[in-house]
Structure formats: C-alpha cells, structure tokens
Amino acid sequence: MNKIISRLLQRIPYIKELYAKIAHLQNVLEQYQLGWPPGHFYSPIPNLEEIKAREEKIFNNIPRQIAGINLNEDEQINLLKQLSAYYSEQPFQDQKQKHLRYFFDNPNYSYGESIILYSLIRHIQPKKIIEIGSGYSSGVILDTNELFFNNSISCVFIEPYPNLLYSLLKEGDQERIEIVDKNLQDIDPQFFSSLTAGDILLIDSTHVSKVDSDVNHILFDILPSLNPGVYVHFHDICYPFEYPKQWVYQGRAWNEAYILRAFLQYNTSFEIVIFNSFLGYFCLDLLQQYLPLCAKNPGISIWLKKV
C-alpha cells in the first residue's frame, strides 16, 4: 500500500522534484561517508552543546600572554606609533569613491586591517607583494601602490575565484598586475622565493587544515621556504588564536588559527609584528590616540616577519 501511495505521489511535479532532491542528497552522503557524526570526539566539527557548557572559559578568557609565543607587545606599540606618521594621508572613506578601489564599508576588510595594511606598505616600501586569496584587501594594495608608489610595486594575486577582484579593478590594472586563477596547491612553493627582505605575502586562505588543503601547503611548504625579512599577513586570526563564538555557532568549523598557534609556539624563525585584535583588547587607548579609525574596528589579522 505504501509503495502504491509513493508511486502516486511521485506523479505530482512538486513531489517528484522533492524525491529527486532526496535521491541526490543520498548519493552525496554515500560518496562522502562520515566516519562519525558531527560533534563526535573523533569529528573535527565541534559539539555545540559541550561548547555552550564551557563558553565562559573558551571565549571570555583573554590572557595577555600565551605560553611559547612572544607577542612582542612593546615592539607592536612602537611600530603602531611609527605607522601613525602615514595616518593623515590615508585616502579611504566609508563609501566607494570613483578614483579608489577600496572603501571601508565592506563586509570583509574594514578600518583596522586596511589602515594597517596601507601604513605598513608605506612604511616598509616593498618591491613585491603576493596575495593568496584576493578581495577588498587587494583594493588597498592597488590604491596604495598607485597613489604613493606610482605603481612601482610588483603585485601578484593568487585567487581561483577572482570575480570580486575583477569587480574592484580599474582600467589598466590587468596589464600592470598578475592574476593567477588557480588553486594554491597547484603552485610550486619556489614561486614565493621571488619575495625578498621587505616584501609582503598576504594570506586569506580557506582557513581549514585538512588533507592537501591550502592551509597545509602554506604552513608546511611556503612559510619555511620564505627568505628572511619577508612580512606575512594572515586574515581572520583572532586573539588569542580562538574564533568568535558567533562563528562557531554558525557552523564555521575552521582550524587555521589553532595550527598557526602551534606553528608559532617556540618558533624563533618568525616574529609577531602586529596582532590587530590583541591591540584591540589591550591597547585600544593607543589605537584611539595614534590611528583613531582603527579603534572603531581593530580587525582580525596578524602580521609576522621571517627572521
């Protein structure tokens, strides 16, 4: 009887479509077998009930020091003061301006991150910038290069999904820059040996360490092979290397911050230069004094330097 009813229902177009979708989902689940359900102690997806029970300890415990990592607080503050020399000339506004690619009021890369990126480019004067994962930060790079360096900085953007990047470009940009629209895993790590002391590598990855992921290639292959003196920027790294609870409850089971923390512990080859959210937690008064707009939203980036 049930089979007869099922066959009759499948003659109805809407029900037939639902059955097709269910069959497709079943095929997908069979293709990607989960060894354990989400939240299981063997699963990389966290158990939200357990997290809620420990929420206070996980998300509200913000230490000023982390074992095995030199946060270089004094050096961060000294650099912050030096970067203030460029603040009055920063050209960006909340809304899009015709002559600029970047604007503050975007969903991904706001005040603190853009102003510090602009200021560091002015300060260290790189000859070359490579960006892994492009978007609004690319606009900051290109605007700063155009306005203050006469487009003399060589810019390379590695982005397999470059639609946003293309939407920000101005006429003539594509002739001046290099866009590599392929997965990072398909690029030889030696490609990054062209970066020398004072150059910049910006990273906005998939944020997930897993088999053959871009995060693994960055931390295991690219960073160790960089030349000394290269500056490295990671986006979406919150202090103290923990993700905002809202993100976790939204289902973002990212883990890049954890593996980066492990990478930096007892690591004498890389030093922290600027940690945006650390400054937001502990030096907000200095941000307000030296880079006032950064205090509105300090951002969630970390800057390192290969030594």
C-alpha atoms as a PDB file:
ATOM      1  CA  MET A   1       0.000   0.000   0.000  1.00  0.00           C
ATOM      2  CA  ASN A   2       2.798   2.408   0.933  1.00  0.00           C
ATOM      3  CA  LYS A   3       4.582   1.705  -2.346  1.00  0.00           C
ATOM      4  CA  ILE A   4       1.394   2.470  -4.296  1.00  0.00           C
ATOM      5  CA  ILE A   5       0.938   5.765  -2.438  1.00  0.00           C
ATOM      6  CA  SER A   6       4.586   6.631  -3.028  1.00  0.00           C
ATOM      7  CA  ARG A   7       4.292   5.991  -6.775  1.00  0.00           C
ATOM      8  CA  LEU A   8       1.131   8.103  -6.955  1.00  0.00           C
ATOM      9  CA  LEU A   9       2.766  10.962  -5.058  1.00  0.00           C
ATOM     10  CA  GLN A  10       5.761  10.934  -7.378  1.00  0.00           C
ATOM     11  CA  ARG A  11       3.459  11.741 -10.291  1.00  0.00           C
ATOM     12  CA  ILE A  12       2.833  15.152  -8.748  1.00  0.00           C
ATOM     13  CA  PRO A  13       5.517  17.502 -10.203  1.00  0.00           C
ATOM     14  CA  TYR A  14       6.439  19.185  -6.905  1.00  0.00           C
ATOM     15  CA  ILE A  15       6.641  15.872  -5.012  1.00  0.00           C
ATOM     16  CA  LYS A  16       8.603  14.334  -7.881  1.00  0.00           C
ATOM     17  CA  GLU A  17      11.138  17.156  -7.595  1.00  0.00           C
ATOM     18  CA  LEU A  18      11.464  16.584  -3.841  1.00  0.00           C
ATOM     19  CA  TYR A  19      12.085  12.877  -4.370  1.00  0.00           C
ATOM     20  CA  ALA A  20      14.802  13.718  -6.907  1.00  0.00           C
ATOM     21  CA  LYS A  21      16.498  16.069  -4.437  1.00  0.00           C
ATOM     22  CA  ILE A  22      16.358  13.436  -1.696  1.00  0.00           C
ATOM     23  CA  ALA A  23      17.897  10.869  -4.034  1.00  0.00           C
ATOM     24  CA  HIS A  24      20.670  13.330  -4.925  1.00  0.00           C
ATOM     25  CA  LEU A  25      21.420  14.017  -1.255  1.00  0.00           C
ATOM     26  CA  GLN A  26      21.546  10.308  -0.534  1.00  0.00           C
ATOM     27  CA  ASN A  27      24.090   9.871  -3.330  1.00  0.00           C
ATOM     28  CA  VAL A  28      26.196  12.720  -1.933  1.00  0.00           C
ATOM     29  CA  LEU A  29      26.117  11.233   1.564  1.00  0.00           C
ATOM     30  CA  GLU A  30      27.135   7.858   0.196  1.00  0.00           C
ATOM     31  CA  GLN A  31      30.025   9.468  -1.692  1.00  0.00           C
ATOM     32  CA  TYR A  32      31.276  11.399   1.338  1.00  0.00           C
ATOM     33  CA  GLN A  33      30.914   8.887   4.125  1.00  0.00           C
ATOM     34  CA  LEU A  34      31.304  10.461   7.546  1.00  0.00           C
ATOM     35  CA  GLY A  35      33.167   8.155   9.860  1.00  0.00           C
ATOM     36  CA  TRP A  36      31.494   9.811  12.820  1.00  0.00           C
ATOM     37  CA  PRO A  37      28.613  12.248  13.258  1.00  0.00           C
ATOM     38  CA  PRO A  38      29.325  15.978  13.783  1.00  0.00           C
ATOM     39  CA  GLY A  39      30.233  16.639  17.403  1.00  0.00           C
ATOM     40  CA  HIS A  40      31.674  13.153  17.959  1.00  0.00           C
ATOM     41  CA  PHE A  41      35.053  13.276  19.692  1.00  0.00           C
ATOM     42  CA  TYR A  42      36.686  11.949  16.510  1.00  0.00           C
ATOM     43  CA  SER A  43      34.990  14.577  14.320  1.00  0.00           C
ATOM     44  CA  PRO A  44      36.662  17.939  13.541  1.00  0.00           C
ATOM     45  CA  ILE A  45      33.210  19.530  13.805  1.00  0.00           C
ATOM     46  CA  PRO A  46      32.726  20.632  17.428  1.00  0.00           C
ATOM     47  CA  ASN A  47      29.969  19.545  19.779  1.00  0.00           C
ATOM     48  CA  LEU A  48      27.990  22.753  20.278  1.00  0.00           C
ATOM     49  CA  GLU A  49      26.349  21.585  23.490  1.00  0.00           C
ATOM     50  CA  GLU A  50      29.741  20.949  25.062  1.00  0.00           C
ATOM     51  CA  ILE A  51      30.982  24.330  23.856  1.00  0.00           C
ATOM     52  CA  LYS A  52      27.978  26.121  25.332  1.00  0.00           C
ATOM     53  CA  ALA A  53      28.654  24.442  28.676  1.00  0.00           C
ATOM     54  CA  ARG A  54      32.249  25.772  28.614  1.00  0.00           C
ATOM     55  CA  GLU A  55      31.513  29.035  26.807  1.00  0.00           C
ATOM     56  CA  GLU A  56      32.803  31.330  29.560  1.00  0.00           C
ATOM     57  CA  LYS A  57      36.183  29.609  29.746  1.00  0.00           C
ATOM     58  CA  ILE A  58      36.596  29.228  25.981  1.00  0.00           C
ATOM     59  CA  PHE A  59      35.578  32.673  24.745  1.00  0.00           C
ATOM     60  CA  ASN A  60      35.869  35.083  27.673  1.00  0.00           C
ATOM     61  CA  ASN A  61      39.300  34.105  28.966  1.00  0.00           C
ATOM     62  CA  ILE A  62      41.594  36.561  27.155  1.00  0.00           C
ATOM     63  CA  PRO A  63      45.134  36.222  28.546  1.00  0.00           C
ATOM     64  CA  ARG A  64      47.740  38.887  27.895  1.00  0.00           C
ATOM     65  CA  GLN A  65      50.420  36.239  27.359  1.00  0.00           C
ATOM     66  CA  ILE A  66      50.461  32.871  25.579  1.00  0.00           C
ATOM     67  CA  ALA A  67      52.869  30.100  26.530  1.00  0.00           C
ATOM     68  CA  GLY A  68      55.634  29.645  23.992  1.00  0.00           C
ATOM     69  CA  ILE A  69      54.750  32.704  21.878  1.00  0.00           C
ATOM     70  CA  ASN A  70      56.458  36.076  22.147  1.00  0.00           C
ATOM     71  CA  LEU A  71      53.709  38.594  21.416  1.00  0.00           C
ATOM     72  CA  ASN A  72      56.270  41.419  21.208  1.00  0.00           C
ATOM     73  CA  GLU A  73      53.859  43.865  22.821  1.00  0.00           C
ATOM     74  CA  ASP A  74      56.407  46.672  23.202  1.00  0.00           C
ATOM     75  CA  GLU A  75      57.541  46.272  19.591  1.00  0.00           C
ATOM     76  CA  GLN A  76      53.926  46.283  18.397  1.00  0.00           C
ATOM     77  CA  ILE A  77      53.298  49.543  20.242  1.00  0.00           C
ATOM     78  CA  ASN A  78      56.478  51.139  18.882  1.00  0.00           C
ATOM     79  CA  LEU A  79      55.517  50.170  15.334  1.00  0.00           C
ATOM     80  CA  LEU A  80      51.993  51.466  15.895  1.00  0.00           C
ATOM     81  CA  LYS A  81      53.445  54.863  16.775  1.00  0.00           C
ATOM     82  CA  GLN A  82      55.631  54.824  13.659  1.00  0.00           C
ATOM     83  CA  LEU A  83      52.683  53.939  11.437  1.00  0.00           C
ATOM     84  CA  SER A  84      50.790  56.969  12.719  1.00  0.00           C
ATOM     85  CA  ALA A  85      53.057  59.117  10.527  1.00  0.00           C
ATOM     86  CA  TYR A  86      51.070  57.932   7.494  1.00  0.00           C
ATOM     87  CA  TYR A  87      47.609  58.213   9.020  1.00  0.00           C
ATOM     88  CA  SER A  88      46.760  61.745   7.893  1.00  0.00           C
ATOM     89  CA  GLU A  89      47.358  60.778   4.264  1.00  0.00           C
ATOM     90  CA  GLN A  90      45.255  57.616   4.241  1.00  0.00           C
ATOM     91  CA  PRO A  91      42.798  58.186   1.372  1.00  0.00           C
ATOM     92  CA  PHE A  92      39.907  55.856   2.145  1.00  0.00           C
ATOM     93  CA  GLN A  93      36.337  56.688   3.120  1.00  0.00           C
ATOM     94  CA  ASP A  94      33.308  54.685   4.220  1.00  0.00           C
ATOM     95  CA  GLN A  95      31.672  54.735   0.787  1.00  0.00           C
ATOM     96  CA  LYS A  96      33.155  53.936  -2.601  1.00  0.00           C
ATOM     97  CA  GLN A  97      34.944  56.805  -4.315  1.00  0.00           C
ATOM     98  CA  LYS A  98      35.285  56.931  -8.072  1.00  0.00           C
ATOM     99  CA  HIS A  99      39.070  57.211  -8.061  1.00  0.00           C
ATOM    100  CA  LEU A 100      39.661  54.418  -5.499  1.00  0.00           C
ATOM    101  CA  ARG A 101      39.085  50.683  -5.490  1.00  0.00           C
ATOM    102  CA  TYR A 102      38.786  50.233  -1.724  1.00  0.00           C
ATOM    103  CA  PHE A 103      36.233  51.591   0.767  1.00  0.00           C
ATOM    104  CA  PHE A 104      35.756  50.922   4.495  1.00  0.00           C
ATOM    105  CA  ASP A 105      32.083  49.915   4.410  1.00  0.00           C
ATOM    106  CA  ASN A 106      32.591  46.412   3.034  1.00  0.00           C
ATOM    107  CA  PRO A 107      31.764  43.080   4.700  1.00  0.00           C
ATOM    108  CA  ASN A 108      35.250  41.589   4.902  1.00  0.00           C
ATOM    109  CA  TYR A 109      38.124  44.006   5.445  1.00  0.00           C
ATOM    110  CA  SER A 110      37.426  47.155   7.396  1.00  0.00           C
ATOM    111  CA  TYR A 111      39.103  50.004   9.291  1.00  0.00           C
ATOM    112  CA  GLY A 112      41.887  48.446  11.345  1.00  0.00           C
ATOM    113  CA  GLU A 113      43.032  45.940   8.774  1.00  0.00           C
ATOM    114  CA  SER A 114      43.006  48.293   5.800  1.00  0.00           C
ATOM    115  CA  ILE A 115      44.703  51.193   7.582  1.00  0.00           C
ATOM    116  CA  ILE A 116      47.465  48.994   8.982  1.00  0.00           C
ATOM    117  CA  LEU A 117      47.969  47.344   5.571  1.00  0.00           C
ATOM    118  CA  TYR A 118      48.169  50.754   3.892  1.00  0.00           C
ATOM    119  CA  SER A 119      50.515  52.071   6.593  1.00  0.00           C
ATOM    120  CA  LEU A 120      52.826  49.057   6.528  1.00  0.00           C
ATOM    121  CA  ILE A 121      53.152  49.269   2.753  1.00  0.00           C
ATOM    122  CA  ARG A 122      54.112  52.929   3.125  1.00  0.00           C
ATOM    123  CA  HIS A 123      56.494  52.091   5.970  1.00  0.00           C
ATOM    124  CA  ILE A 124      58.406  49.088   4.642  1.00  0.00           C
ATOM    125  CA  GLN A 125      58.194  50.039   0.937  1.00  0.00           C
ATOM    126  CA  PRO A 126      58.091  46.543  -0.582  1.00  0.00           C
ATOM    127  CA  LYS A 127      59.242  45.861  -4.104  1.00  0.00           C
ATOM    128  CA  LYS A 128      56.818  42.945  -4.470  1.00  0.00           C
ATOM    129  CA  ILE A 129      53.545  41.823  -2.899  1.00  0.00           C
ATOM    130  CA  ILE A 130      51.972  38.388  -3.379  1.00  0.00           C
ATOM    131  CA  GLU A 131      48.443  37.881  -2.107  1.00  0.00           C
ATOM    132  CA  ILE A 132      46.906  34.433  -1.582  1.00  0.00           C
ATOM    133  CA  GLY A 133      43.136  34.924  -1.625  1.00  0.00           C
ATOM    134  CA  SER A 134      42.075  38.276  -3.017  1.00  0.00           C
ATOM    135  CA  GLY A 135      39.273  40.753  -2.412  1.00  0.00           C
ATOM    136  CA  TYR A 136      38.915  44.113  -0.714  1.00  0.00           C
ATOM    137  CA  SER A 137      42.447  43.938   0.665  1.00  0.00           C
ATOM    138  CA  SER A 138      43.599  43.843  -2.961  1.00  0.00           C
ATOM    139  CA  GLY A 139      41.968  47.233  -3.422  1.00  0.00           C
ATOM    140  CA  VAL A 140      44.033  48.637  -0.536  1.00  0.00           C
ATOM    141  CA  ILE A 141      47.205  47.276  -2.115  1.00  0.00           C
ATOM    142  CA  LEU A 142      46.456  48.664  -5.567  1.00  0.00           C
ATOM    143  CA  ASP A 143      45.283  52.066  -4.329  1.00  0.00           C
ATOM    144  CA  THR A 144      48.362  52.482  -2.120  1.00  0.00           C
ATOM    145  CA  ASN A 145      50.630  51.363  -4.944  1.00  0.00           C
ATOM    146  CA  GLU A 146      49.046  53.829  -7.359  1.00  0.00           C
ATOM    147  CA  LEU A 147      48.850  56.848  -5.053  1.00  0.00           C
ATOM    148  CA  PHE A 148      52.186  56.580  -3.252  1.00  0.00           C
ATOM    149  CA  PHE A 149      54.470  54.362  -5.366  1.00  0.00           C
ATOM    150  CA  ASN A 150      53.489  55.259  -8.933  1.00  0.00           C
ATOM    151  CA  ASN A 151      52.543  51.584  -9.466  1.00  0.00           C
ATOM    152  CA  SER A 152      56.163  50.531  -8.991  1.00  0.00           C
ATOM    153  CA  ILE A 153      55.352  47.641  -6.614  1.00  0.00           C
ATOM    154  CA  SER A 154      55.006  44.315  -8.423  1.00  0.00           C
ATOM    155  CA  CYS A 155      51.634  42.812  -7.414  1.00  0.00           C
ATOM    156  CA  VAL A 156      50.610  39.163  -7.813  1.00  0.00           C
ATOM    157  CA  PHE A 157      47.165  37.881  -6.814  1.00  0.00           C
ATOM    158  CA  ILE A 158      46.527  34.153  -6.419  1.00  0.00           C
ATOM    159  CA  GLU A 159      42.762  33.676  -6.484  1.00  0.00           C
ATOM    160  CA  PRO A 160      40.898  30.710  -8.020  1.00  0.00           C
ATOM    161  CA  TYR A 161      37.590  32.609  -7.791  1.00  0.00           C
ATOM    162  CA  PRO A 162      38.562  36.111  -8.956  1.00  0.00           C
ATOM    163  CA  ASN A 163      35.143  37.682  -9.632  1.00  0.00           C
ATOM    164  CA  LEU A 164      35.322  40.068  -6.649  1.00  0.00           C
ATOM    165  CA  LEU A 165      38.878  41.032  -7.531  1.00  0.00           C
ATOM    166  CA  TYR A 166      37.924  41.783 -11.129  1.00  0.00           C
ATOM    167  CA  SER A 167      34.995  43.909  -9.946  1.00  0.00           C
ATOM    168  CA  LEU A 168      37.379  46.164  -7.997  1.00  0.00           C
ATOM    169  CA  LEU A 169      39.946  46.703 -10.739  1.00  0.00           C
ATOM    170  CA  LYS A 170      40.351  49.960 -12.621  1.00  0.00           C
ATOM    171  CA  GLU A 171      41.110  50.347 -16.295  1.00  0.00           C
ATOM    172  CA  GLY A 172      44.677  49.314 -16.990  1.00  0.00           C
ATOM    173  CA  ASP A 173      45.086  47.239 -13.836  1.00  0.00           C
ATOM    174  CA  GLN A 174      45.116  43.889 -15.612  1.00  0.00           C
ATOM    175  CA  GLU A 175      48.076  44.996 -17.725  1.00  0.00           C
ATOM    176  CA  ARG A 176      50.048  46.044 -14.621  1.00  0.00           C
ATOM    177  CA  ILE A 177      49.366  43.134 -12.263  1.00  0.00           C
ATOM    178  CA  GLU A 178      49.487  39.334 -12.398  1.00  0.00           C
ATOM    179  CA  ILE A 179      46.385  37.296 -11.538  1.00  0.00           C
ATOM    180  CA  VAL A 180      46.921  33.577 -11.008  1.00  0.00           C
ATOM    181  CA  ASP A 181      43.466  31.997 -11.085  1.00  0.00           C
ATOM    182  CA  LYS A 182      44.362  28.536  -9.823  1.00  0.00           C
ATOM    183  CA  ASN A 183      44.408  26.653  -6.535  1.00  0.00           C
ATOM    184  CA  LEU A 184      47.398  27.305  -4.319  1.00  0.00           C
ATOM    185  CA  GLN A 185      48.137  23.578  -4.155  1.00  0.00           C
ATOM    186  CA  ASP A 186      48.979  23.692  -7.870  1.00  0.00           C
ATOM    187  CA  ILE A 187      51.671  26.334  -7.408  1.00  0.00           C
ATOM    188  CA  ASP A 188      55.295  25.389  -6.713  1.00  0.00           C
ATOM    189  CA  PRO A 189      56.417  26.778  -3.328  1.00  0.00           C
ATOM    190  CA  GLN A 190      59.525  28.105  -5.090  1.00  0.00           C
ATOM    191  CA  PHE A 191      57.226  30.648  -6.738  1.00  0.00           C
ATOM    192  CA  PHE A 192      57.411  32.564  -3.462  1.00  0.00           C
ATOM    193  CA  SER A 193      61.214  32.688  -3.416  1.00  0.00           C
ATOM    194  CA  SER A 194      60.918  35.852  -5.521  1.00  0.00           C
ATOM    195  CA  LEU A 195      59.896  37.649  -2.320  1.00  0.00           C
ATOM    196  CA  THR A 196      62.936  39.203  -0.653  1.00  0.00           C
ATOM    197  CA  ALA A 197      63.511  41.165   2.558  1.00  0.00           C
ATOM    198  CA  GLY A 198      60.895  43.885   2.922  1.00  0.00           C
ATOM    199  CA  ASP A 199      58.405  42.248   0.569  1.00  0.00           C
ATOM    200  CA  ILE A 200      54.926  41.128   1.666  1.00  0.00           C
ATOM    201  CA  LEU A 201      52.963  37.874   1.490  1.00  0.00           C
ATOM    202  CA  LEU A 202      49.264  38.308   2.324  1.00  0.00           C
ATOM    203  CA  ILE A 203      47.186  35.228   3.114  1.00  0.00           C
ATOM    204  CA  ASP A 204      43.412  34.853   3.193  1.00  0.00           C
ATOM    205  CA  SER A 205      43.009  31.106   2.892  1.00  0.00           C
ATOM    206  CA  THR A 206      40.169  28.612   3.226  1.00  0.00           C
ATOM    207  CA  HIS A 207      41.014  28.623   6.968  1.00  0.00           C
ATOM    208  CA  VAL A 208      40.844  24.830   7.168  1.00  0.00           C
ATOM    209  CA  SER A 209      43.672  22.350   7.650  1.00  0.00           C
ATOM    210  CA  LYS A 210      42.777  19.017   6.066  1.00  0.00           C
ATOM    211  CA  VAL A 211      44.233  16.575   3.563  1.00  0.00           C
ATOM    212  CA  ASP A 212      46.010  18.572   0.816  1.00  0.00           C
ATOM    213  CA  SER A 213      44.461  21.892   1.891  1.00  0.00           C
ATOM    214  CA  ASP A 214      45.908  25.293   1.076  1.00  0.00           C
ATOM    215  CA  VAL A 215      46.487  25.878   4.798  1.00  0.00           C
ATOM    216  CA  ASN A 216      48.750  22.828   4.943  1.00  0.00           C
ATOM    217  CA  HIS A 217      50.702  23.995   1.904  1.00  0.00           C
ATOM    218  CA  ILE A 218      51.142  27.464   3.392  1.00  0.00           C
ATOM    219  CA  LEU A 219      52.380  26.323   6.796  1.00  0.00           C
ATOM    220  CA  PHE A 220      54.328  23.230   5.735  1.00  0.00           C
ATOM    221  CA  ASP A 221      55.836  24.302   2.410  1.00  0.00           C
ATOM    222  CA  ILE A 222      55.599  28.034   1.717  1.00  0.00           C
ATOM    223  CA  LEU A 223      56.408  29.732   5.036  1.00  0.00           C
ATOM    224  CA  PRO A 224      59.509  27.628   5.795  1.00  0.00           C
ATOM    225  CA  SER A 225      60.940  28.417   2.352  1.00  0.00           C
ATOM    226  CA  LEU A 226      60.474  32.203   2.536  1.00  0.00           C
ATOM    227  CA  ASN A 227      63.515  34.438   2.534  1.00  0.00           C
ATOM    228  CA  PRO A 228      64.389  36.243   5.777  1.00  0.00           C
ATOM    229  CA  GLY A 229      62.845  39.681   6.108  1.00  0.00           C
ATOM    230  CA  VAL A 230      59.583  38.850   4.314  1.00  0.00           C
ATOM    231  CA  TYR A 231      56.431  40.098   6.053  1.00  0.00           C
ATOM    232  CA  VAL A 232      53.461  37.711   6.267  1.00  0.00           C
ATOM    233  CA  HIS A 233      49.837  38.696   6.866  1.00  0.00           C
ATOM    234  CA  PHE A 234      47.129  36.212   7.895  1.00  0.00           C
ATOM    235  CA  HIS A 235      43.497  37.304   7.771  1.00  0.00           C
ATOM    236  CA  ASP A 236      40.755  36.009  10.104  1.00  0.00           C
ATOM    237  CA  ILE A 237      43.089  35.244  13.003  1.00  0.00           C
ATOM    238  CA  CYS A 238      41.580  36.420  16.276  1.00  0.00           C
ATOM    239  CA  TYR A 239      43.445  36.748  19.546  1.00  0.00           C
ATOM    240  CA  PRO A 240      44.078  34.516  21.466  1.00  0.00           C
ATOM    241  CA  PHE A 241      44.013  32.222  18.403  1.00  0.00           C
ATOM    242  CA  GLU A 242      40.358  31.375  19.028  1.00  0.00           C
ATOM    243  CA  TYR A 243      37.376  32.038  16.782  1.00  0.00           C
ATOM    244  CA  PRO A 244      34.435  34.247  17.842  1.00  0.00           C
ATOM    245  CA  LYS A 245      31.681  32.195  19.427  1.00  0.00           C
ATOM    246  CA  GLN A 246      29.175  33.555  16.887  1.00  0.00           C
ATOM    247  CA  TRP A 247      31.233  31.981  14.109  1.00  0.00           C
ATOM    248  CA  VAL A 248      31.406  28.652  15.914  1.00  0.00           C
ATOM    249  CA  TYR A 249      27.650  28.593  16.494  1.00  0.00           C
ATOM    250  CA  GLN A 250      27.140  29.477  12.819  1.00  0.00           C
ATOM    251  CA  GLY A 251      28.917  26.248  11.913  1.00  0.00           C
ATOM    252  CA  ARG A 252      32.312  27.613  10.886  1.00  0.00           C
ATOM    253  CA  ALA A 253      34.473  24.699  11.981  1.00  0.00           C
ATOM    254  CA  TRP A 254      37.690  26.473  10.975  1.00  0.00           C
ATOM    255  CA  ASN A 255      41.008  25.437  12.476  1.00  0.00           C
ATOM    256  CA  GLU A 256      43.682  27.572  10.809  1.00  0.00           C
ATOM    257  CA  ALA A 257      44.121  29.696  13.948  1.00  0.00           C
ATOM    258  CA  TYR A 258      44.915  26.637  16.050  1.00  0.00           C
ATOM    259  CA  ILE A 259      47.507  25.246  13.668  1.00  0.00           C
ATOM    260  CA  LEU A 260      49.058  28.713  13.262  1.00  0.00           C
ATOM    261  CA  ARG A 261      49.321  28.995  17.055  1.00  0.00           C
ATOM    262  CA  ALA A 262      51.105  25.630  17.161  1.00  0.00           C
ATOM    263  CA  PHE A 263      53.372  26.787  14.313  1.00  0.00           C
ATOM    264  CA  LEU A 264      54.384  29.910  16.250  1.00  0.00           C
ATOM    265  CA  GLN A 265      54.979  28.270  19.626  1.00  0.00           C
ATOM    266  CA  TYR A 266      58.728  28.106  20.364  1.00  0.00           C
ATOM    267  CA  ASN A 267      59.345  29.236  16.777  1.00  0.00           C
ATOM    268  CA  THR A 268      62.349  31.551  16.552  1.00  0.00           C
ATOM    269  CA  SER A 269      62.148  31.913  12.763  1.00  0.00           C
ATOM    270  CA  PHE A 270      59.022  34.093  12.763  1.00  0.00           C
ATOM    271  CA  GLU A 271      58.210  37.069  14.965  1.00  0.00           C
ATOM    272  CA  ILE A 272      54.890  38.820  15.533  1.00  0.00           C
ATOM    273  CA  VAL A 273      54.890  42.348  14.139  1.00  0.00           C
ATOM    274  CA  ILE A 274      51.250  43.416  14.574  1.00  0.00           C
ATOM    275  CA  PHE A 275      48.319  41.472  16.017  1.00  0.00           C
ATOM    276  CA  ASN A 276      45.216  43.561  15.341  1.00  0.00           C
ATOM    277  CA  SER A 277      42.803  42.060  17.833  1.00  0.00           C
ATOM    278  CA  PHE A 278      45.485  41.845  20.545  1.00  0.00           C
ATOM    279  CA  LEU A 279      45.897  45.606  20.227  1.00  0.00           C
ATOM    280  CA  GLY A 280      42.121  45.939  20.265  1.00  0.00           C
ATOM    281  CA  TYR A 281      41.907  44.075  23.568  1.00  0.00           C
ATOM    282  CA  PHE A 282      44.866  45.582  25.415  1.00  0.00           C
ATOM    283  CA  CYS A 283      45.916  48.795  23.639  1.00  0.00           C
ATOM    284  CA  LEU A 284      42.642  50.327  22.466  1.00  0.00           C
ATOM    285  CA  ASP A 285      43.585  53.674  24.010  1.00  0.00           C
ATOM    286  CA  LEU A 286      46.738  53.760  21.874  1.00  0.00           C
ATOM    287  CA  LEU A 287      44.773  52.911  18.745  1.00  0.00           C
ATOM    288  CA  GLN A 288      42.432  55.789  19.545  1.00  0.00           C
ATOM    289  CA  GLN A 289      45.409  58.077  20.044  1.00  0.00           C
ATOM    290  CA  TYR A 290      47.536  57.133  17.039  1.00  0.00           C
ATOM    291  CA  LEU A 291      45.177  55.512  14.498  1.00  0.00           C
ATOM    292  CA  PRO A 292      41.690  56.627  15.580  1.00  0.00           C
ATOM    293  CA  LEU A 293      39.690  54.883  12.851  1.00  0.00           C
ATOM    294  CA  CYS A 294      41.339  51.575  13.758  1.00  0.00           C
ATOM    295  CA  ALA A 295      39.707  51.802  17.179  1.00  0.00           C
ATOM    296  CA  LYS A 296      36.274  51.582  15.504  1.00  0.00           C
ATOM    297  CA  ASN A 297      37.096  48.064  14.317  1.00  0.00           C
ATOM    298  CA  PRO A 298      40.668  46.900  15.028  1.00  0.00           C
ATOM    299  CA  GLY A 299      40.259  43.889  12.747  1.00  0.00           C
ATOM    300  CA  ILE A 300      41.289  40.252  12.948  1.00  0.00           C
ATOM    301  CA  SER A 301      44.631  39.992  11.191  1.00  0.00           C
ATOM    302  CA  ILE A 302      48.093  39.034  12.354  1.00  0.00           C
ATOM    303  CA  TRP A 303      51.364  40.222  10.815  1.00  0.00           C
ATOM    304  CA  LEU A 304      54.548  38.153  11.063  1.00  0.00           C
ATOM    305  CA  LYS A 305      58.103  38.592   9.837  1.00  0.00           C
ATOM    306  CA  LYS A 306      60.525  35.859   8.804  1.00  0.00           C
ATOM    307  CA  VAL A 307      63.788  36.428  10.690  1.00  0.00           C
END
